[in-house]
Amino acid sequence: MDKYEVFKANINKLIDIDLNFYKEKQMKRRIQSLLTRNNFKDFDDYFQGLKSDKVLLEQFINYLTINVSEFYRNPNQWQVLEKDIIPSLLSKKNRLTLWSSACSTGEEPYSLAMLMTKFFPLKEIRILATDIDEEAMNKAKFGLYSEKSLENLPLDFKTKFFTKIENSYKISDEIKRCVEFRKMDLLKDRFPSNMDLILCRNVMIYFTEEAKELLYSKFYNSLDDNGILFVGSTEQIIMPEKYKLKPAKTFFYKKIV
């Protein structure tokens, strides 16, 4: 067995993350550059370092989970969410279950919470936000963001829900209270049920076809009968019917019941 195969098996035992579900070439290259940067000679040496150094392990998980996020990423899609998807969901029921499934540092679930203030009072908004990376979620809970990450956010939200602190922006506690953060490995853990809207954006591009099939099936089972899955701008589902989904709008898929 080559050293990378041994490394993957050891990582799965150590932190319960199965690297076999990630695109091999891409992931191996990322890890190789990380171990070189940290002055380890090979995968065996790097694993010993990860096992004994908590800070190094946190850096590895952070790097692995590719935390690139911003508020209102792809703003046109948020317009569709506001004008079409949410009103359509609310025409069938007056309470919605909402899940940001790979929430990273919090920009996505907080964007959703702000958007939902157009439909509900703050105290009635509840969003589940999950991620495999606890360090990223800790940043989300703290809620301090760069000016660049707010570039696409509607100005009224920026004014209403953020306080400027030097060159950063702190999100308000009232928005924070709308979001419950929970650690989850999408590939291994059980999904919540009866979800009206699931956001899974800019995640699938890192997974193998086998992993994608598993996730689409799990998302289907997690959706309520009229539920919608919202995917990233490079992640349109080819032949969604295969997964019992149909396009509602571009990047939005409805459960076929």
Protein backbone atom coordinates (compact mmCIF):
# COMPACT_ATOMS: atom_id res chain seq x y z
CA MET A 1 0.00 0.00 0.00
CA ASP A 2 1.47 3.41 -0.91
CA LYS A 3 2.03 6.10 1.70
CA TYR A 4 -0.95 8.22 0.65
CA GLU A 5 -3.32 5.22 0.96
CA VAL A 6 -1.96 4.54 4.48
CA PHE A 7 -2.32 8.26 5.29
CA LYS A 8 -6.00 8.25 4.20
CA ALA A 9 -6.74 5.18 6.34
CA ASN A 10 -4.99 6.74 9.35
CA ILE A 11 -6.85 10.05 8.94
CA ASN A 12 -10.16 8.20 8.82
CA LYS A 13 -9.30 6.52 12.14
CA LEU A 14 -8.01 9.73 13.72
CA ILE A 15 -10.73 12.25 12.79
CA ASP A 16 -13.41 10.11 11.10
CA ILE A 17 -13.08 11.87 7.71
CA ASP A 18 -12.95 9.55 4.70
CA LEU A 19 -10.67 11.11 2.08
CA ASN A 20 -11.73 8.48 -0.46
CA PHE A 21 -14.89 10.51 -1.06
CA TYR A 22 -12.84 13.52 -2.26
CA LYS A 23 -11.45 13.84 -5.78
CA GLU A 24 -8.09 12.07 -5.48
CA LYS A 25 -5.75 14.23 -7.57
CA GLN A 26 -7.05 17.49 -6.20
CA MET A 27 -7.01 16.41 -2.55
CA LYS A 28 -3.61 14.70 -2.72
CA ARG A 29 -2.10 17.84 -4.26
CA ARG A 30 -3.60 20.05 -1.54
CA ILE A 31 -2.30 17.83 1.27
CA GLN A 32 1.12 17.51 -0.36
CA SER A 33 1.48 21.31 -0.48
CA LEU A 34 0.39 21.57 3.16
CA LEU A 35 2.88 18.99 4.43
CA THR A 36 5.69 20.64 2.41
CA ARG A 37 4.78 24.05 3.80
CA ASN A 38 4.99 22.60 7.33
CA ASN A 39 8.39 21.00 6.62
CA PHE A 40 7.37 17.34 6.81
CA LYS A 41 9.22 14.92 4.55
CA ASP A 42 6.32 12.63 3.55
CA PHE A 43 2.78 11.49 4.40
CA ASP A 44 3.93 9.20 7.25
CA ASP A 45 5.93 11.97 8.87
CA TYR A 46 3.02 14.43 8.45
CA PHE A 47 0.53 12.03 10.03
CA GLN A 48 2.75 11.65 13.12
CA GLY A 49 2.77 15.46 13.36
CA LEU A 50 -1.02 15.66 13.06
CA LYS A 51 -1.44 13.00 15.74
CA SER A 52 0.69 14.86 18.27
CA ASP A 53 -0.07 18.53 17.53
CA LYS A 54 -3.65 19.82 17.99
CA VAL A 55 -2.94 23.17 16.27
CA LEU A 56 -1.49 21.39 13.24
CA LEU A 57 -4.53 19.08 13.12
CA GLU A 58 -6.93 22.05 13.23
CA GLN A 59 -5.00 23.70 10.41
CA PHE A 60 -5.28 20.46 8.40
CA ILE A 61 -9.06 20.18 8.90
CA ASN A 62 -9.49 23.85 8.03
CA TYR A 63 -7.46 23.46 4.85
CA LEU A 64 -9.22 20.24 3.96
CA THR A 65 -12.67 21.78 4.14
CA ILE A 66 -11.81 24.71 1.85
CA ASN A 67 -13.55 27.53 3.69
CA VAL A 68 -14.15 30.15 1.04
CA SER A 69 -17.35 32.02 1.64
CA GLU A 70 -19.02 35.41 1.38
CA PHE A 71 -22.39 36.97 2.09
CA TYR A 72 -24.94 36.70 -0.74
CA ARG A 73 -22.54 34.71 -2.90
CA ASN A 74 -23.94 34.84 -6.46
CA PRO A 75 -26.45 37.62 -5.65
CA ASN A 76 -28.78 36.82 -8.59
CA GLN A 77 -29.51 33.45 -7.04
CA TRP A 78 -30.44 35.13 -3.74
CA GLN A 79 -32.87 37.29 -5.72
CA VAL A 80 -34.51 34.15 -7.12
CA LEU A 81 -34.65 32.73 -3.59
CA GLU A 82 -36.38 35.90 -2.33
CA LYS A 83 -38.76 36.52 -5.24
CA ASP A 84 -39.70 32.98 -6.28
CA ILE A 85 -38.56 30.10 -4.07
CA ILE A 86 -39.48 31.31 -0.58
CA PRO A 87 -42.88 32.79 -1.63
CA SER A 88 -43.66 29.49 -3.37
CA LEU A 89 -42.76 27.51 -0.23
CA LEU A 90 -44.80 29.89 1.94
CA SER A 91 -47.84 29.46 -0.31
CA LYS A 92 -48.05 25.87 0.99
CA LYS A 93 -47.18 26.34 4.68
CA ASN A 94 -46.62 29.21 7.09
CA ARG A 95 -43.50 27.89 8.84
CA LEU A 96 -40.33 26.79 7.06
CA THR A 97 -37.52 24.45 8.11
CA LEU A 98 -34.20 25.77 6.77
CA TRP A 99 -30.78 24.10 6.65
CA SER A 100 -27.41 25.46 5.52
CA SER A 101 -25.63 22.13 5.21
CA ALA A 102 -22.01 23.24 4.69
CA CYS A 103 -22.05 26.55 6.49
CA SER A 104 -18.30 27.18 6.78
CA THR A 105 -17.65 30.48 8.62
CA GLY A 106 -21.33 31.45 8.72
CA GLU A 107 -21.83 33.82 5.78
CA GLU A 108 -24.44 31.58 4.14
CA PRO A 109 -26.77 30.88 7.11
CA TYR A 110 -26.49 34.49 8.27
CA SER A 111 -27.37 35.68 4.73
CA LEU A 112 -30.40 33.41 4.86
CA ALA A 113 -31.40 34.72 8.31
CA MET A 114 -31.22 38.31 7.03
CA LEU A 115 -33.24 37.43 3.94
CA MET A 116 -35.90 35.73 6.07
CA THR A 117 -36.45 39.01 7.98
CA LYS A 118 -38.38 40.09 4.84
CA PHE A 119 -40.90 37.35 5.62
CA PHE A 120 -40.84 36.81 9.40
CA PRO A 121 -40.06 38.67 12.62
CA LEU A 122 -36.52 37.89 13.83
CA LYS A 123 -37.68 35.92 16.85
CA GLU A 124 -39.48 33.43 14.56
CA ILE A 125 -36.48 32.68 12.30
CA ARG A 126 -34.63 29.41 12.96
CA ILE A 127 -31.88 28.04 10.73
CA LEU A 128 -29.83 24.88 11.20
CA ALA A 129 -26.21 25.36 10.08
CA THR A 130 -23.83 22.41 9.90
CA ASP A 131 -20.22 21.85 8.92
CA ILE A 132 -17.48 19.29 9.45
CA ASP A 133 -15.03 22.02 10.53
CA GLU A 134 -15.54 23.14 14.14
CA GLU A 135 -12.88 25.84 13.82
CA ALA A 136 -14.82 27.45 10.95
CA MET A 137 -18.04 27.31 12.99
CA ASN A 138 -16.29 28.93 15.94
CA LYS A 139 -15.45 31.84 13.63
CA ALA A 140 -19.10 31.91 12.57
CA LYS A 141 -20.27 32.06 16.19
CA PHE A 142 -17.88 34.96 16.85
CA GLY A 143 -19.22 36.69 13.74
CA LEU A 144 -16.45 39.09 12.67
CA TYR A 145 -16.06 39.56 8.91
CA SER A 146 -13.92 41.44 6.40
CA GLU A 147 -15.32 44.25 4.27
CA LYS A 148 -14.66 42.14 1.16
CA SER A 149 -16.94 39.33 2.37
CA LEU A 150 -19.84 41.83 2.57
CA GLU A 151 -19.39 43.16 -0.99
CA ASN A 152 -22.54 41.53 -2.39
CA LEU A 153 -24.73 42.01 0.67
CA PRO A 154 -27.68 44.41 0.20
CA LEU A 155 -26.79 47.75 1.78
CA ASP A 156 -29.83 47.82 4.07
CA PHE A 157 -28.73 44.52 5.66
CA LYS A 158 -25.18 45.80 6.09
CA THR A 159 -26.47 48.96 7.79
CA LYS A 160 -29.04 47.20 9.94
CA PHE A 161 -27.23 44.06 11.09
CA PHE A 162 -23.51 44.94 11.28
CA THR A 163 -21.31 47.15 13.42
CA LYS A 164 -18.05 48.38 11.94
CA ILE A 165 -15.02 47.66 14.14
CA GLU A 166 -11.90 49.17 12.56
CA ASN A 167 -11.61 47.37 9.18
CA SER A 168 -14.01 44.55 10.09
CA TYR A 169 -17.75 44.09 10.54
CA LYS A 170 -19.39 42.37 13.52
CA ILE A 171 -22.75 40.73 12.89
CA SER A 172 -25.54 41.51 15.34
CA ASP A 173 -26.50 39.14 18.13
CA GLU A 174 -30.12 39.17 16.95
CA ILE A 175 -29.07 37.54 13.66
CA LYS A 176 -26.72 35.15 15.48
CA ARG A 177 -29.61 33.96 17.65
CA CYS A 178 -31.49 32.81 14.52
CA VAL A 179 -28.82 30.21 13.69
CA GLU A 180 -27.99 26.95 15.46
CA PHE A 181 -24.55 25.59 14.55
CA ARG A 182 -23.92 21.85 14.72
CA LYS A 183 -20.99 19.66 13.64
CA MET A 184 -21.87 17.25 10.85
CA ASP A 185 -20.08 15.07 8.31
CA LEU A 186 -22.48 15.04 5.36
CA LEU A 187 -21.10 11.76 4.09
CA LYS A 188 -21.42 9.84 7.35
CA ASP A 189 -23.97 11.47 9.62
CA ARG A 190 -27.74 11.20 9.64
CA PHE A 191 -29.57 14.14 8.05
CA PRO A 192 -32.45 16.06 9.63
CA SER A 193 -35.88 15.34 8.13
CA ASN A 194 -38.76 17.37 6.64
CA MET A 195 -36.58 20.23 5.42
CA ASP A 196 -38.31 22.86 3.26
CA LEU A 197 -35.08 24.42 2.01
CA ILE A 198 -31.58 22.91 2.01
CA LEU A 199 -28.56 24.94 0.88
CA CYS A 200 -25.57 22.87 -0.25
CA ARG A 201 -23.44 25.22 -2.30
CA ASN A 202 -19.85 25.00 -3.55
CA VAL A 203 -19.25 21.67 -1.81
CA MET A 204 -20.10 18.99 -4.38
CA ILE A 205 -17.29 20.11 -6.71
CA TYR A 206 -14.75 18.53 -4.33
CA PHE A 207 -16.44 15.12 -4.16
CA THR A 208 -16.24 11.99 -6.32
CA GLU A 209 -19.27 10.89 -8.37
CA GLU A 210 -19.92 8.12 -5.84
CA ALA A 211 -20.00 10.65 -2.98
CA LYS A 212 -22.33 12.96 -4.96
CA GLU A 213 -24.78 10.14 -5.58
CA LEU A 214 -24.82 9.31 -1.89
CA LEU A 215 -25.43 12.96 -0.96
CA TYR A 216 -28.20 13.58 -3.50
CA SER A 217 -29.99 10.51 -2.19
CA LYS A 218 -29.60 11.71 1.42
CA PHE A 219 -30.79 15.22 0.51
CA TYR A 220 -33.83 13.77 -1.26
CA ASN A 221 -34.77 11.84 1.89
CA SER A 222 -34.16 14.92 4.03
CA LEU A 223 -36.49 17.18 2.03
CA ASP A 224 -40.15 17.68 2.86
CA ASP A 225 -42.56 16.79 0.03
CA ASN A 226 -42.42 20.29 -1.50
CA GLY A 227 -38.82 20.90 -0.39
CA ILE A 228 -36.12 22.64 -2.43
CA LEU A 229 -32.38 21.93 -2.70
CA PHE A 230 -30.29 25.03 -3.55
CA VAL A 231 -26.87 24.24 -5.08
CA GLY A 232 -23.81 26.28 -6.10
CA SER A 233 -23.27 28.07 -9.40
CA THR A 234 -20.89 25.38 -10.73
CA GLU A 235 -22.96 22.47 -9.44
CA GLN A 236 -25.98 22.09 -11.67
CA ILE A 237 -27.20 18.51 -11.37
CA ILE A 238 -26.92 16.49 -14.59
CA MET A 239 -30.03 14.32 -15.00
CA PRO A 240 -31.62 15.32 -11.66
CA GLU A 241 -34.50 12.84 -12.29
CA LYS A 242 -31.99 10.09 -11.51
CA TYR A 243 -32.07 11.38 -7.92
CA LYS A 244 -35.86 12.03 -7.96
CA LEU A 245 -35.31 15.77 -8.23
CA LYS A 246 -36.53 18.24 -10.87
CA PRO A 247 -35.44 21.81 -11.65
CA ALA A 248 -37.58 24.50 -9.98
CA LYS A 249 -35.30 27.32 -11.21
CA THR A 250 -31.63 27.24 -12.29
CA PHE A 251 -29.64 25.97 -9.25
CA PHE A 252 -32.87 25.09 -7.38
CA TYR A 253 -34.23 21.54 -7.39
CA LYS A 254 -37.57 20.29 -6.17
CA LYS A 255 -38.28 16.86 -4.72
CA ILE A 256 -40.30 14.56 -7.02
CA VAL A 257 -42.92 12.87 -4.86
